[in-house]
């Protein structure tokens, strides 16, 4: 089954959850800030590989992509562990 690609709304919401600006997302996804900006403003149609890089960067940082389209932080992001 083919995985649905993430939406621009999810990218913006994920950045908000992580408190990232476009430059932060660019650094974490190995894309240029200009590419992120154009993608979010819908000036360009993103390549599948670019969306995969963005999704991976956000997932590694704790964002879950959910139906809707939506996003949320993983529940384990807020667990405090006492040794």
Protein backbone atom coordinates (compact mmCIF):
# COMPACT_ATOMS: atom_id res chain seq x y z
CA UNK A 1 0.00 0.00 0.00
CA UNK A 2 1.37 3.42 -0.96
CA UNK A 3 1.98 5.83 1.92
CA UNK A 4 0.17 9.17 1.67
CA UNK A 5 2.51 12.12 1.40
CA UNK A 6 2.41 14.77 4.09
CA UNK A 7 0.53 18.02 3.45
CA UNK A 8 1.78 21.61 3.68
CA UNK A 9 -0.56 22.14 6.63
CA UNK A 10 1.12 19.28 8.47
CA UNK A 11 4.56 20.73 7.79
CA UNK A 12 3.55 24.12 9.20
CA UNK A 13 1.82 22.56 12.20
CA UNK A 14 4.79 20.27 12.86
CA UNK A 15 7.14 23.24 12.80
CA UNK A 16 4.90 25.03 15.30
CA UNK A 17 4.88 22.03 17.64
CA UNK A 18 8.66 21.83 17.51
CA UNK A 19 9.05 25.62 17.74
CA UNK A 20 11.09 25.53 14.53
CA UNK A 21 11.35 28.28 11.97
CA UNK A 22 11.89 27.52 8.30
CA UNK A 23 15.66 27.66 8.76
CA UNK A 24 15.50 25.05 11.53
CA UNK A 25 13.49 22.71 9.31
CA UNK A 26 15.91 23.32 6.44
CA UNK A 27 18.89 22.35 8.61
CA UNK A 28 17.21 19.23 10.01
CA UNK A 29 15.98 18.04 6.61
CA UNK A 30 19.08 18.97 4.56
CA UNK A 31 17.00 21.20 2.29
CA UNK A 32 17.45 24.91 1.64
CA UNK A 33 15.45 27.52 3.52
CA UNK A 34 14.33 28.86 0.14
CA UNK A 35 12.97 25.42 -0.79
CA UNK A 36 11.01 25.20 2.48
CA UNK A 37 9.65 28.71 1.97
CA UNK A 38 8.53 28.06 -1.61
CA UNK A 39 6.98 24.73 -0.62
CA UNK A 40 5.01 26.27 2.27
CA UNK A 41 3.82 29.16 0.07
CA UNK A 42 2.80 26.63 -2.61
CA UNK A 43 4.99 28.30 -5.22
CA UNK A 44 6.47 24.94 -6.20
CA UNK A 45 5.22 21.38 -6.21
CA UNK A 46 7.49 19.53 -3.79
CA UNK A 47 9.42 16.48 -4.89
CA UNK A 48 8.56 13.25 -3.12
CA UNK A 49 12.13 13.02 -1.83
CA UNK A 50 11.87 16.50 -0.27
CA UNK A 51 8.65 15.54 1.53
CA UNK A 52 10.29 12.35 2.79
CA UNK A 53 13.25 14.33 4.16
CA UNK A 54 10.92 16.77 5.93
CA UNK A 55 8.78 13.97 7.35
CA UNK A 56 11.83 12.07 8.57
CA UNK A 57 13.35 15.15 10.23
CA UNK A 58 10.11 15.88 12.06
CA UNK A 59 9.49 12.27 13.10
CA UNK A 60 13.01 11.93 14.51
CA UNK A 61 12.30 15.09 16.52
CA UNK A 62 9.05 13.75 17.96
CA UNK A 63 6.25 14.66 15.56
CA UNK A 64 3.67 12.04 14.57
CA UNK A 65 1.70 12.53 11.37
CA UNK A 66 -1.94 11.54 11.83
CA UNK A 67 -5.04 11.40 9.65
CA UNK A 68 -6.91 14.56 9.07
CA UNK A 69 -4.32 15.84 8.01
CA UNK A 70 -2.91 16.41 11.45
CA UNK A 71 0.15 16.20 13.63
CA UNK A 72 0.91 15.69 17.29
CA UNK A 73 3.93 15.22 19.49
CA UNK A 74 4.70 11.65 20.47
CA UNK A 75 3.41 10.92 23.95
CA UNK A 76 6.84 9.78 25.13
CA UNK A 77 8.22 13.27 24.47
CA UNK A 78 6.91 14.39 27.86
CA UNK A 79 7.84 11.44 30.03
CA UNK A 80 10.23 12.14 32.86
CA UNK A 81 12.45 9.25 33.83
CA UNK A 82 13.92 9.09 37.29
CA UNK A 83 16.83 6.73 37.82
